[in-house]
Amino acid sequence: MNRIKQPNSLHCFICGVENPTGLHLHIYEVEPGIVETEYIAPDHFQGYPGVLHGGIVAAIIDEVSGRSHMGSDPMNPRFMFTGK
């Protein structure tokens, strides 16, 4: 399997490498439109005891769904966002 690492930013809550309170995820494209990451949450992100807070889950889903569209070409990233 060919995994292509997508870029990280500095301060993003999900992927920011310099965000002291962020998740520091590294996201890889494994095939066009398919991305993967791994995350083991620390206890301070739990909602109920032993359960990851839904806000953290939603933030990860938001990032991963956008990254699946972005692609792995660093010279031509396809950013997406919602708008009104």
C-alpha atoms as a PDB file:
ATOM      1  CA  MET A   1       0.000   0.000   0.000  1.00  0.00           C
ATOM      2  CA  ASN A   2       1.355   3.417  -0.995  1.00  0.00           C
ATOM      3  CA  ARG A   3       0.626   5.976   1.735  1.00  0.00           C
ATOM      4  CA  ILE A   4       1.188   9.632   0.818  1.00  0.00           C
ATOM      5  CA  LYS A   5       1.400  11.979   3.789  1.00  0.00           C
ATOM      6  CA  GLN A   6      -0.786  15.053   3.524  1.00  0.00           C
ATOM      7  CA  PRO A   7       0.619  18.343   4.819  1.00  0.00           C
ATOM      8  CA  ASN A   8       0.282  19.491   8.411  1.00  0.00           C
ATOM      9  CA  SER A   9      -0.146  23.106   9.425  1.00  0.00           C
ATOM     10  CA  LEU A  10       1.289  24.896  12.432  1.00  0.00           C
ATOM     11  CA  HIS A  11      -1.785  25.818  14.470  1.00  0.00           C
ATOM     12  CA  CYS A  12      -4.703  23.704  13.246  1.00  0.00           C
ATOM     13  CA  PHE A  13      -6.499  21.989  16.150  1.00  0.00           C
ATOM     14  CA  ILE A  14      -6.452  18.658  14.306  1.00  0.00           C
ATOM     15  CA  CYS A  15      -3.096  18.598  12.473  1.00  0.00           C
ATOM     16  CA  GLY A  16      -1.182  21.582  13.858  1.00  0.00           C
ATOM     17  CA  VAL A  17       2.314  20.513  14.828  1.00  0.00           C
ATOM     18  CA  GLU A  18       2.784  23.579  17.071  1.00  0.00           C
ATOM     19  CA  ASN A  19      -0.687  23.666  18.641  1.00  0.00           C
ATOM     20  CA  PRO A  20      -0.086  22.774  22.305  1.00  0.00           C
ATOM     21  CA  THR A  21      -3.712  21.704  22.846  1.00  0.00           C
ATOM     22  CA  GLY A  22      -4.258  20.127  19.419  1.00  0.00           C
ATOM     23  CA  LEU A  23      -4.512  16.502  18.350  1.00  0.00           C
ATOM     24  CA  HIS A  24      -1.366  16.503  16.119  1.00  0.00           C
ATOM     25  CA  LEU A  25      -2.847  14.018  13.638  1.00  0.00           C
ATOM     26  CA  HIS A  26      -0.873  12.887  10.615  1.00  0.00           C
ATOM     27  CA  ILE A  27      -3.182  12.082   7.722  1.00  0.00           C
ATOM     28  CA  TYR A  28      -2.249   9.867   4.781  1.00  0.00           C
ATOM     29  CA  GLU A  29      -3.877   9.368   1.401  1.00  0.00           C
ATOM     30  CA  VAL A  30      -3.895   5.626   0.705  1.00  0.00           C
ATOM     31  CA  GLU A  31      -5.665   5.913  -2.649  1.00  0.00           C
ATOM     32  CA  PRO A  32      -7.520   8.751  -4.401  1.00  0.00           C
ATOM     33  CA  GLY A  33     -10.319   9.899  -2.120  1.00  0.00           C
ATOM     34  CA  ILE A  34      -9.308   7.531   0.708  1.00  0.00           C
ATOM     35  CA  VAL A  35      -7.410   8.877   3.730  1.00  0.00           C
ATOM     36  CA  GLU A  36      -6.457   7.374   7.046  1.00  0.00           C
ATOM     37  CA  THR A  37      -5.081   8.433  10.388  1.00  0.00           C
ATOM     38  CA  GLU A  38      -4.642   6.957  13.833  1.00  0.00           C
ATOM     39  CA  TYR A  39      -5.381   8.651  17.129  1.00  0.00           C
ATOM     40  CA  ILE A  40      -5.307   7.522  20.732  1.00  0.00           C
ATOM     41  CA  ALA A  41      -7.139  10.116  22.798  1.00  0.00           C
ATOM     42  CA  PRO A  42      -5.847  11.163  26.193  1.00  0.00           C
ATOM     43  CA  ASP A  43      -8.229  10.972  29.137  1.00  0.00           C
ATOM     44  CA  HIS A  44      -8.771  14.738  29.259  1.00  0.00           C
ATOM     45  CA  PHE A  45     -10.758  14.545  25.974  1.00  0.00           C
ATOM     46  CA  GLN A  46     -13.368  12.185  27.370  1.00  0.00           C
ATOM     47  CA  GLY A  47     -17.024  13.065  27.802  1.00  0.00           C
ATOM     48  CA  TYR A  48     -18.381  10.318  30.000  1.00  0.00           C
ATOM     49  CA  PRO A  49     -15.695   8.212  31.684  1.00  0.00           C
ATOM     50  CA  GLY A  50     -13.932   6.089  29.064  1.00  0.00           C
ATOM     51  CA  VAL A  51     -15.823   7.669  26.144  1.00  0.00           C
ATOM     52  CA  LEU A  52     -14.249  10.164  23.721  1.00  0.00           C
ATOM     53  CA  HIS A  53     -16.193  13.439  23.691  1.00  0.00           C
ATOM     54  CA  GLY A  54     -18.456  13.822  20.654  1.00  0.00           C
ATOM     55  CA  GLY A  55     -16.980  17.236  19.863  1.00  0.00           C
ATOM     56  CA  ILE A  56     -13.562  15.674  19.360  1.00  0.00           C
ATOM     57  CA  VAL A  57     -15.092  12.917  17.225  1.00  0.00           C
ATOM     58  CA  ALA A  58     -16.929  15.537  15.125  1.00  0.00           C
ATOM     59  CA  ALA A  59     -13.741  17.587  14.665  1.00  0.00           C
ATOM     60  CA  ILE A  60     -11.831  14.521  13.452  1.00  0.00           C
ATOM     61  CA  ILE A  61     -14.649  13.566  11.055  1.00  0.00           C
ATOM     62  CA  ASP A  62     -14.741  17.142   9.724  1.00  0.00           C
ATOM     63  CA  GLU A  63     -11.002  17.148   9.057  1.00  0.00           C
ATOM     64  CA  VAL A  64     -10.845  13.671   7.526  1.00  0.00           C
ATOM     65  CA  SER A  65     -13.824  14.292   5.232  1.00  0.00           C
ATOM     66  CA  GLY A  66     -12.191  17.472   3.936  1.00  0.00           C
ATOM     67  CA  ARG A  67      -8.854  15.745   3.545  1.00  0.00           C
ATOM     68  CA  SER A  68     -10.394  12.966   1.452  1.00  0.00           C
ATOM     69  CA  HIS A  69     -11.243  15.638  -1.128  1.00  0.00           C
ATOM     70  CA  MET A  70      -7.968  17.551  -0.807  1.00  0.00           C
ATOM     71  CA  GLY A  71      -5.678  15.021  -2.466  1.00  0.00           C
ATOM     72  CA  SER A  72      -1.970  14.548  -1.924  1.00  0.00           C
ATOM     73  CA  ASP A  73      -0.459  16.821  -4.570  1.00  0.00           C
ATOM     74  CA  PRO A  74       1.357  19.529  -2.527  1.00  0.00           C
ATOM     75  CA  MET A  75       1.481  21.800  -5.595  1.00  0.00           C
ATOM     76  CA  ASN A  76      -2.264  21.561  -6.216  1.00  0.00           C
ATOM     77  CA  PRO A  77      -4.251  20.970  -3.016  1.00  0.00           C
ATOM     78  CA  ARG A  78      -8.021  21.079  -3.414  1.00  0.00           C
ATOM     79  CA  PHE A  79      -9.405  22.838  -0.360  1.00  0.00           C
ATOM     80  CA  MET A  80     -13.087  22.709   0.436  1.00  0.00           C
ATOM     81  CA  PHE A  81     -15.229  24.628   2.849  1.00  0.00           C
ATOM     82  CA  THR A  82     -18.844  25.253   3.573  1.00  0.00           C
ATOM     83  CA  GLY A  83     -20.504  28.511   2.751  1.00  0.00           C
ATOM     84  CA  LYS A  84     -23.830  30.230   2.653  1.00  0.00           C
END
